[in-house]
Amino acid sequence: MDTSGFMTVGTSLERDIYEIGSHLASLARSAPHVEPASTFRDVAQPVQREYVRGATYHFERMKGIAAAFDSKLDDDELDFKP
């Protein structure tokens, strides 16, 4: 057991951000009963997506997550925010 107080990582993903989002969502999807969160349709969802678009790292991961669930990122009924 490591007692140094630092987290150690046993696996690393050397991929671009889109591929990391897609890979992590694929792992989650293989677990029973895992689906993207449903949202109620309102003006907040597209506005939040546009806000996150400015944070390229998160936006690319969101696109990968949506792709792993065979969905479109602009589907306002599902929440793909990381």
Protein backbone atom coordinates (compact mmCIF):
# COMPACT_ATOMS: atom_id res chain seq x y z
CA MET A 1 0.00 0.00 0.00
CA ASP A 2 1.30 3.42 -0.95
CA THR A 3 1.32 5.69 2.09
CA SER A 4 2.91 8.72 0.43
CA GLY A 5 -0.43 10.48 0.08
CA PHE A 6 -0.26 10.65 -3.70
CA MET A 7 -2.61 8.95 -6.09
CA THR A 8 -1.05 6.47 -8.47
CA VAL A 9 -2.53 5.61 -11.83
CA GLY A 10 -2.48 2.02 -13.00
CA THR A 11 -3.68 2.68 -16.53
CA SER A 12 -3.28 5.62 -18.86
CA LEU A 13 -5.12 6.45 -22.05
CA GLU A 14 -2.87 8.02 -24.61
CA ARG A 15 -5.54 9.23 -26.99
CA ASP A 16 -7.04 12.53 -27.99
CA ILE A 17 -9.80 13.98 -25.83
CA TYR A 18 -12.63 12.83 -28.13
CA GLU A 19 -11.32 9.24 -28.01
CA ILE A 20 -10.93 9.38 -24.23
CA GLY A 21 -14.58 10.49 -23.84
CA SER A 22 -15.73 7.78 -26.22
CA HIS A 23 -13.63 5.09 -24.52
CA LEU A 24 -14.78 6.01 -21.01
CA ALA A 25 -18.42 6.13 -22.13
CA SER A 26 -18.01 2.73 -23.80
CA LEU A 27 -16.71 1.31 -20.53
CA ALA A 28 -19.65 2.85 -18.67
CA ARG A 29 -22.09 1.62 -21.30
CA SER A 30 -20.94 -1.96 -20.76
CA ALA A 31 -22.15 -1.74 -17.14
CA PRO A 32 -25.79 -2.67 -16.54
CA HIS A 33 -28.35 0.15 -16.54
CA VAL A 34 -25.98 2.95 -17.60
CA GLU A 35 -27.42 5.55 -19.95
CA PRO A 36 -26.87 9.29 -20.37
CA ALA A 37 -28.92 11.36 -17.98
CA SER A 38 -32.23 12.55 -19.35
CA THR A 39 -32.98 16.22 -19.14
CA PHE A 40 -36.16 18.13 -19.54
CA ARG A 41 -36.18 20.27 -22.65
CA ASP A 42 -35.67 23.91 -21.90
CA VAL A 43 -33.48 26.74 -23.08
CA ALA A 44 -30.73 25.86 -20.60
CA GLN A 45 -29.45 22.75 -22.39
CA PRO A 46 -28.38 24.40 -25.67
CA VAL A 47 -27.05 27.42 -23.80
CA GLN A 48 -24.97 25.20 -21.52
CA ARG A 49 -23.65 23.28 -24.54
CA GLU A 50 -22.59 26.54 -26.20
CA TYR A 51 -20.87 27.63 -22.99
CA VAL A 52 -18.94 24.35 -22.77
CA ARG A 53 -18.00 24.66 -26.48
CA GLY A 54 -15.56 27.36 -25.35
CA ALA A 55 -13.83 24.81 -23.11
CA THR A 56 -12.48 22.71 -25.97
CA TYR A 57 -11.22 19.92 -23.70
CA HIS A 58 -14.67 19.28 -22.19
CA PHE A 59 -16.53 19.82 -25.45
CA GLU A 60 -14.43 17.23 -27.29
CA ARG A 61 -15.00 14.74 -24.47
CA MET A 62 -18.76 15.41 -24.68
CA LYS A 63 -18.69 14.64 -28.41
CA GLY A 64 -16.92 11.36 -27.70
CA ILE A 65 -19.45 10.44 -25.01
CA ALA A 66 -22.38 11.17 -27.34
CA ALA A 67 -20.80 9.07 -30.10
CA ALA A 68 -20.31 6.11 -27.74
CA PHE A 69 -24.02 6.18 -26.97
CA ASP A 70 -24.92 6.42 -30.70
CA SER A 71 -26.44 9.85 -30.09
CA LYS A 72 -25.98 13.36 -31.37
CA LEU A 73 -24.45 15.97 -29.10
CA ASP A 74 -27.22 18.41 -29.97
CA ASP A 75 -29.92 16.04 -28.69
CA ASP A 76 -31.34 18.25 -25.95
CA GLU A 77 -33.12 15.36 -24.29
CA LEU A 78 -29.85 13.80 -23.10
CA ASP A 79 -27.08 15.32 -21.01
CA PHE A 80 -23.54 14.49 -22.16
CA LYS A 81 -21.71 16.95 -19.93
CA PRO A 82 -18.65 15.32 -18.31
